[in-house]
Protein backbone atom coordinates (compact mmCIF):
# COMPACT_ATOMS: atom_id res chain seq x y z
CA UNK A 1 -3.24 74.09 16.83
CA UNK A 2 -3.73 77.59 15.46
CA UNK A 3 -5.27 80.40 17.62
CA UNK A 4 -8.00 83.00 16.25
CA UNK A 5 -6.74 86.67 16.95
CA UNK A 6 -8.86 89.68 16.52
CA UNK A 7 -9.14 93.14 17.70
CA UNK A 8 -12.54 95.02 18.37
CA UNK A 9 -15.14 95.06 17.07
CA UNK A 10 -15.02 91.75 14.78
CA UNK A 11 -17.53 89.15 15.76
CA UNK A 12 -16.56 85.34 15.76
CA UNK A 13 -19.15 83.46 13.52
CA UNK A 14 -20.00 79.75 13.65
CA UNK A 15 -22.08 78.04 11.25
CA UNK A 16 -23.00 74.37 11.10
CA UNK A 17 -19.95 73.26 9.29
CA UNK A 18 -17.84 74.85 11.91
CA UNK A 19 -19.66 73.49 14.98
CA UNK A 20 -19.67 70.00 13.20
CA UNK A 21 -15.84 70.50 12.79
CA UNK A 22 -15.46 71.56 16.53
CA UNK A 23 -17.24 68.39 17.58
CA UNK A 24 -15.31 66.19 15.70
CA UNK A 25 -12.13 67.46 16.75
CA UNK A 26 -13.26 67.49 20.63
CA UNK A 27 -15.18 64.17 20.20
CA UNK A 28 -18.86 63.92 21.05
CA UNK A 29 -18.51 62.33 24.39
CA UNK A 30 -15.93 65.20 25.32
CA UNK A 31 -18.00 67.78 24.15
CA UNK A 32 -20.94 66.72 26.07
CA UNK A 33 -18.84 66.15 29.14
CA UNK A 34 -17.65 69.68 29.07
CA UNK A 35 -20.99 71.10 28.20
CA UNK A 36 -22.58 69.43 31.24
CA UNK A 37 -19.93 70.93 33.23
CA UNK A 38 -20.60 74.40 31.92
CA UNK A 39 -24.42 74.05 32.59
CA UNK A 40 -23.92 72.77 35.94
CA UNK A 41 -21.69 75.89 36.72
CA UNK A 42 -24.19 78.08 35.31
CA UNK A 43 -27.20 76.69 37.31
CA UNK A 44 -25.18 76.94 40.40
CA UNK A 45 -25.03 80.85 39.83
CA UNK A 46 -28.80 80.82 39.09
CA UNK A 47 -29.66 83.97 41.42
CA UNK A 48 -27.28 86.24 39.60
CA UNK A 49 -29.22 85.56 36.12
CA UNK A 50 -31.97 88.07 35.15
CA UNK A 51 -34.40 85.38 33.87
CA UNK A 52 -37.79 85.44 31.75
CA UNK A 53 -39.87 82.92 30.01
CA UNK A 54 -39.40 83.04 26.63
CA UNK A 55 -41.18 85.23 23.97
CA UNK A 56 -43.16 83.17 21.57
CA UNK A 57 -45.15 83.84 18.34
CA UNK A 58 -47.73 81.11 17.32
CA UNK A 59 -49.07 80.13 14.23
CA UNK A 60 -50.87 77.08 13.00
CA UNK A 61 -48.05 75.64 11.46
CA UNK A 62 -45.61 76.17 14.43
CA UNK A 63 -43.74 78.54 16.94
CA UNK A 64 -41.03 80.78 16.71
CA UNK A 65 -39.54 81.89 20.11
CA UNK A 66 -36.77 84.28 21.52
CA UNK A 67 -34.97 83.13 24.39
CA UNK A 68 -32.92 86.09 26.11
CA UNK A 69 -30.99 85.98 29.51
CA UNK A 70 -28.13 87.76 31.25
CA UNK A 71 -25.79 87.56 34.17
CA UNK A 72 -24.98 91.30 33.99
CA UNK A 73 -21.67 90.48 32.38
CA UNK A 74 -22.67 88.62 29.08
CA UNK A 75 -25.95 88.83 27.44
CA UNK A 76 -27.22 85.76 25.05
CA UNK A 77 -30.40 85.21 22.81
CA UNK A 78 -31.58 82.22 21.08
CA UNK A 79 -34.08 82.57 18.28
CA UNK A 80 -35.55 78.94 17.45
CA UNK A 81 -38.60 77.53 15.75
CA UNK A 82 -40.82 74.51 16.10
CA UNK A 83 -42.64 73.47 12.84
CA UNK A 84 -43.73 69.68 12.81
CA UNK A 85 -44.45 69.91 9.35
CA UNK A 86 -41.19 71.13 7.87
CA UNK A 87 -40.17 67.57 6.49
CA UNK A 88 -42.39 68.33 3.58
CA UNK A 89 -40.37 71.42 3.04
CA UNK A 90 -37.16 69.90 3.27
CA UNK A 91 -36.29 71.58 6.43
CA UNK A 92 -35.78 70.23 10.01
CA UNK A 93 -38.49 70.60 12.76
CA UNK A 94 -36.21 72.69 14.90
CA UNK A 95 -33.83 75.55 13.58
CA UNK A 96 -32.03 77.93 15.74
CA UNK A 97 -29.23 80.71 15.71
CA UNK A 98 -28.15 82.75 18.68
CA UNK A 99 -25.68 85.49 19.93
CA UNK A 100 -23.35 86.52 22.69
CA UNK A 101 -23.00 90.15 23.70
CA UNK A 102 -20.91 92.12 26.26
CA UNK A 103 -23.05 93.83 28.71
CA UNK A 104 -20.70 96.67 28.95
CA UNK A 105 -20.73 97.87 25.58
CA UNK A 106 -23.37 95.61 23.57
CA UNK A 107 -20.60 94.44 21.26
CA UNK A 108 -21.58 91.19 19.48
CA UNK A 109 -18.80 88.79 20.56
CA UNK A 110 -20.27 85.83 18.78
CA UNK A 111 -22.93 84.79 16.25
CA UNK A 112 -23.53 80.99 16.05
CA UNK A 113 -25.79 78.38 14.52
CA UNK A 114 -27.83 76.82 17.38
CA UNK A 115 -29.70 73.89 15.61
CA UNK A 116 -26.98 71.33 16.22
CA UNK A 117 -25.90 73.10 19.46
CA UNK A 118 -29.49 73.17 20.96
CA UNK A 119 -29.81 69.08 20.37
CA UNK A 120 -26.32 68.95 22.16
CA UNK A 121 -27.35 71.15 24.99
CA UNK A 122 -30.74 69.34 25.13
CA UNK A 123 -29.07 65.98 25.80
CA UNK A 124 -26.68 67.72 28.28
CA UNK A 125 -29.31 69.10 30.33
CA UNK A 126 -31.15 65.46 30.56
CA UNK A 127 -27.98 64.00 31.69
CA UNK A 128 -27.25 66.86 34.34
CA UNK A 129 -30.89 66.34 35.54
CA UNK A 130 -30.56 62.41 35.61
CA UNK A 131 -27.61 62.41 37.31
CA UNK A 132 -29.41 64.26 40.36
CA UNK A 133 -32.61 62.47 40.01
CA UNK A 134 -32.11 59.01 38.54
CA UNK A 135 -31.11 56.05 40.50
CA UNK A 136 -27.43 55.64 40.67
CA UNK A 137 -27.63 51.97 39.41
CA UNK A 138 -29.65 52.90 36.28
CA UNK A 139 -28.20 51.14 33.28
CA UNK A 140 -31.38 50.86 30.76
CA UNK A 141 -33.15 53.79 29.04
CA UNK A 142 -36.48 53.57 26.97
CA UNK A 143 -36.21 56.40 24.32
CA UNK A 144 -39.70 57.25 23.10
CA UNK A 145 -39.68 59.28 19.84
CA UNK A 146 -36.77 58.60 17.53
CA UNK A 147 -36.32 61.64 15.76
CA UNK A 148 -33.34 64.22 15.50
CA UNK A 149 -32.96 64.81 19.17
CA UNK A 150 -32.77 61.15 19.78
CA UNK A 151 -29.31 60.44 18.70
CA UNK A 152 -27.91 63.01 21.24
CA UNK A 153 -29.91 61.65 23.86
CA UNK A 154 -28.69 58.26 23.38
CA UNK A 155 -24.94 59.05 22.77
CA UNK A 156 -25.14 61.50 26.02
CA UNK A 157 -26.66 58.86 28.35
CA UNK A 158 -24.44 56.14 27.00
CA UNK A 159 -20.96 58.16 27.49
CA UNK A 160 -21.98 59.85 30.70
CA UNK A 161 -24.35 57.61 32.59
CA UNK A 162 -23.07 54.57 31.35
CA UNK A 163 -26.39 53.18 30.06
CA UNK A 164 -25.72 50.16 28.27
CA UNK A 165 -29.26 48.97 27.16
CA UNK A 166 -31.55 51.08 24.91
CA UNK A 167 -35.08 50.44 24.08
CA UNK A 168 -36.27 52.39 20.94
CA UNK A 169 -39.79 53.04 20.05
CA UNK A 170 -41.34 55.41 17.33
CA UNK A 171 -44.58 55.26 15.38
CA UNK A 172 -42.35 55.24 12.39
CA UNK A 173 -40.16 52.15 12.74
CA UNK A 174 -37.80 53.53 10.09
CA UNK A 175 -36.97 56.17 12.45
CA UNK A 176 -35.97 53.65 15.10
CA UNK A 177 -33.81 51.90 12.36
CA UNK A 178 -32.02 55.08 11.15
CA UNK A 179 -31.44 55.80 15.05
CA UNK A 180 -30.00 52.22 15.61
CA UNK A 181 -27.67 52.49 12.34
CA UNK A 182 -26.38 55.83 13.59
CA UNK A 183 -25.68 54.57 17.06
CA UNK A 184 -23.85 51.35 15.60
CA UNK A 185 -21.74 53.64 13.31
CA UNK A 186 -20.59 56.05 16.19
CA UNK A 187 -17.96 53.77 17.51
CA UNK A 188 -19.08 54.33 20.95
CA UNK A 189 -16.47 53.23 23.78
CA UNK A 190 -17.03 50.37 26.21
CA UNK A 191 -19.27 47.27 25.74
CA UNK A 192 -21.20 46.94 22.82
CA UNK A 193 -24.46 49.00 23.42
CA UNK A 194 -27.52 46.54 23.39
CA UNK A 195 -30.39 48.27 21.15
CA UNK A 196 -33.76 46.91 21.06
CA UNK A 197 -36.42 48.05 18.45
CA UNK A 198 -39.91 47.85 20.32
CA UNK A 199 -43.32 47.56 18.98
CA UNK A 200 -44.95 49.54 21.53
CA UNK A 201 -44.35 52.36 24.28
CA UNK A 202 -45.46 49.94 27.00
CA UNK A 203 -42.95 47.27 25.60
CA UNK A 204 -40.13 49.84 25.64
CA UNK A 205 -40.94 50.87 29.15
CA UNK A 206 -41.15 47.54 30.90
CA UNK A 207 -38.25 47.31 33.22
CA UNK A 208 -36.47 50.42 32.01
CA UNK A 209 -34.57 52.50 34.61
CA UNK A 210 -34.77 55.75 32.82
CA UNK A 211 -37.42 56.78 30.33
CA UNK A 212 -36.70 59.86 27.87
CA UNK A 213 -39.54 61.31 25.76
CA UNK A 214 -38.77 63.30 22.66
CA UNK A 215 -41.82 62.98 20.43
CA UNK A 216 -43.17 65.47 17.92
CA UNK A 217 -46.92 64.90 18.70
CA UNK A 218 -48.80 67.82 18.58
CA UNK A 219 -51.66 68.45 21.19
CA UNK A 220 -52.12 66.80 24.61
CA UNK A 221 -50.96 63.48 23.95
CA UNK A 222 -50.77 60.65 26.46
CA UNK A 223 -47.59 58.96 25.08
CA UNK A 224 -47.03 57.38 28.49
CA UNK A 225 -49.81 56.21 30.85
CA UNK A 226 -49.83 55.82 34.49
CA UNK A 227 -50.07 52.02 34.15
CA UNK A 228 -46.58 51.75 32.24
CA UNK A 229 -44.64 53.68 35.18
CA UNK A 230 -42.68 51.26 37.56
CA UNK A 231 -41.21 52.25 40.90
CA UNK A 232 -37.90 53.85 40.79
CA UNK A 233 -38.03 55.21 37.15
CA UNK A 234 -36.81 58.55 36.19
CA UNK A 235 -38.81 60.45 33.53
CA UNK A 236 -36.92 63.02 31.32
CA UNK A 237 -40.14 64.55 29.79
CA UNK A 238 -38.46 66.59 26.66
CA UNK A 239 -40.94 66.71 23.94
CA UNK A 240 -43.77 68.70 25.61
CA UNK A 241 -42.35 72.38 24.98
CA UNK A 242 -45.21 74.63 24.05
CA UNK A 243 -48.92 75.55 25.13
CA UNK A 244 -51.10 72.68 24.30
CA UNK A 245 -48.52 70.09 23.50
CA UNK A 246 -47.79 67.27 26.26
CA UNK A 247 -46.57 63.80 26.46
CA UNK A 248 -47.50 62.41 29.88
CA UNK A 249 -50.97 61.27 31.53
CA UNK A 250 -51.41 63.80 34.12
CA UNK A 251 -51.89 60.89 36.61
CA UNK A 252 -48.01 60.15 36.35
CA UNK A 253 -47.41 63.83 37.70
CA UNK A 254 -49.83 63.43 40.37
CA UNK A 255 -47.87 60.36 41.51
CA UNK A 256 -44.32 61.40 41.01
CA UNK A 257 -41.94 64.08 42.32
CA UNK A 258 -41.68 66.69 39.49
CA UNK A 259 -38.50 68.88 38.69
CA UNK A 260 -38.49 72.00 36.36
CA UNK A 261 -36.13 74.34 35.07
CA UNK A 262 -38.00 77.73 35.35
CA UNK A 263 -41.45 77.51 36.92
CA UNK A 264 -43.18 80.65 35.27
CA UNK A 265 -42.11 79.07 31.80
CA UNK A 266 -42.71 75.29 32.49
CA UNK A 267 -46.26 75.93 33.96
CA UNK A 268 -47.23 77.45 30.49
CA UNK A 269 -45.34 75.18 28.17
CA UNK A 270 -44.52 71.96 30.05
CA UNK A 271 -46.20 68.83 31.03
CA UNK A 272 -47.66 70.74 34.16
CA UNK A 273 -49.56 73.06 32.04
CA UNK A 274 -52.29 70.26 32.52
CA UNK A 275 -51.97 70.73 36.32
CA UNK A 276 -53.45 73.44 38.67
CA UNK A 277 -51.58 76.64 39.01
CA UNK A 278 -50.37 75.69 42.52
CA UNK A 279 -49.23 72.20 41.48
CA UNK A 280 -45.96 71.42 43.65
CA UNK A 281 -42.63 71.55 41.52
CA UNK A 282 -38.92 71.74 42.68
CA UNK A 283 -36.44 73.69 40.62
CA UNK A 284 -33.67 71.60 39.47
CA UNK A 285 -31.00 74.45 40.24
CA UNK A 286 -32.11 74.17 44.12
CA UNK A 287 -31.44 70.35 43.68
CA UNK A 288 -27.80 71.10 42.30
CA UNK A 289 -27.17 73.48 44.87
CA UNK A 290 -27.99 71.28 47.63
CA UNK A 291 -30.61 73.40 48.85
CA UNK A 292 -33.38 70.55 48.32
CA UNK A 293 -33.39 66.87 47.89
CA UNK A 294 -33.50 65.22 44.39
CA UNK A 295 -34.16 61.58 44.75
CA UNK A 296 -34.70 60.25 48.17
CA UNK A 297 -35.37 56.41 47.62
CA UNK A 298 -35.03 53.99 45.27
CA UNK A 299 -38.98 53.44 44.54
CA UNK A 300 -39.54 57.24 44.05
CA UNK A 301 -40.59 58.16 40.41
CA UNK A 302 -39.16 61.37 39.27
CA UNK A 303 -40.01 63.70 36.42
CA UNK A 304 -37.98 66.24 34.90
CA UNK A 305 -40.29 68.26 32.98
CA UNK A 306 -37.68 69.79 30.52
CA UNK A 307 -39.04 72.59 28.19
CA UNK A 308 -35.56 74.07 27.43
CA UNK A 309 -34.39 77.32 29.20
CA UNK A 310 -32.55 80.15 28.27
CA UNK A 311 -29.53 79.67 30.80
CA UNK A 312 -28.82 76.42 28.86
CA UNK A 313 -28.30 78.21 25.71
CA UNK A 314 -26.27 80.92 27.39
CA UNK A 315 -24.07 78.17 28.71
CA UNK A 316 -23.77 76.54 25.10
CA UNK A 317 -22.63 79.79 23.50
CA UNK A 318 -19.92 80.44 26.06
CA UNK A 319 -18.90 76.65 25.57
CA UNK A 320 -18.90 77.15 21.76
CA UNK A 321 -16.92 80.37 21.88
CA UNK A 322 -14.52 79.00 24.41
CA UNK A 323 -13.89 75.79 22.39
CA UNK A 324 -13.70 77.58 19.06
CA UNK A 325 -11.16 80.18 20.21
CA UNK A 326 -9.03 77.07 21.58
CA UNK A 327 -9.20 75.26 18.52
CA UNK A 328 -8.93 78.19 15.93
CA UNK A 329 -12.25 77.28 14.37
CA UNK A 330 -14.71 79.87 12.98
CA UNK A 331 -14.18 82.92 11.41
CA UNK A 332 -14.14 86.69 12.27
CA UNK A 333 -17.04 88.94 10.52
CA UNK A 334 -17.95 92.61 10.71
CA UNK A 335 -21.30 93.02 12.23
CA UNK A 336 -20.27 96.74 13.18
CA UNK A 337 -18.33 98.97 10.61
CA UNK A 338 -15.20 99.66 13.20
CA UNK A 339 -14.76 103.05 12.10
CA UNK A 340 -11.99 105.16 13.66
CA UNK A 341 -14.27 107.78 14.69
CA UNK A 342 -17.37 106.05 16.33
CA UNK A 343 -19.60 109.15 15.57
CA UNK A 344 -18.88 109.14 11.87
CA UNK A 345 -20.80 106.18 10.26
CA UNK A 346 -21.64 107.91 7.19
CA UNK A 347 -17.97 108.84 6.86
CA UNK A 348 -16.91 105.17 7.06
CA UNK A 349 -19.59 104.41 4.36
CA UNK A 350 -18.02 107.20 2.08
CA UNK A 351 -14.69 105.62 2.30
CA UNK A 352 -15.58 102.34 1.39
CA UNK A 353 -13.56 101.70 -1.75
CA UNK A 354 -15.40 98.51 -3.07
CA UNK A 355 -19.29 97.62 -2.89
CA UNK A 356 -19.99 93.95 -2.08
CA UNK A 357 -22.13 92.36 -4.87
CA UNK A 358 -25.86 92.02 -3.96
CA UNK A 359 -26.93 88.54 -3.23
CA UNK A 360 -28.65 86.67 -5.93
């Protein structure tokens, strides 16, 4: 194993191939397990973070968002989009990049892709919440919406929560078949994972312990209705993540106990945007810290209204940097000139003997 060595002011850069290689070396279950541990550790430090709701630019085609956060030592941000019509352009619905900076100097320590990593951290966050909120004996999960995020959710719940049965539903049956084939090709450890492709949302939910919704519907949809919900279910509502986009019947929220990441953001973008401003919610970090209870009995219905929060990207970036340095993956790039005299920027420019070719 080689170790990447550098001296300031070089920046570690990870592209999608680097992250894919890192996940290949670590193995997906081990990477997810490490990331869940990192997420929990950072959530337990919740009060030290300077937090804000993400900054969004909306258009008819989609959303572009900036998600910053700092703990006073490191500053991170992610820039991410959500454009449901991107498939016709040959692009993913969600694409992202991010950076990790030193607060003391502003030095950019790492630049990284976050498209793969966002899928990974979203699944890890779902598992972190489910550990606290789902019944301990949960073994079956309905997965509604079988797009790009669904594989990561399925693998995370199989590897870390011992889910042994998946019920899949998507309006495009081909998406469910793709997911099924990917999971069968993943060589997941343990007994064979039972996978059932269902003909309706209601069929998928019937008898499920956990329900995860990751649809790309636009508008205030009722993908799940109250009559589908059974006592003791835990719901990971992941797909609703911007104003005007929801997946759950409001009646589900009224009859359940709802947990959120950062209330000012979730009230604007999550399922609870449908509810009054004083609708009661519980912050996940308080459950993890033991300040308030999560699930209180086996018949309680719990909802994790997950919109994605900047702390999770902070954790993911720290995880990536530590793992990449340990495995010797990535490359060093010059985001800053590194001149000997920090005041002589133009002198550094004059001293360059070679001019890089212009991009075609």
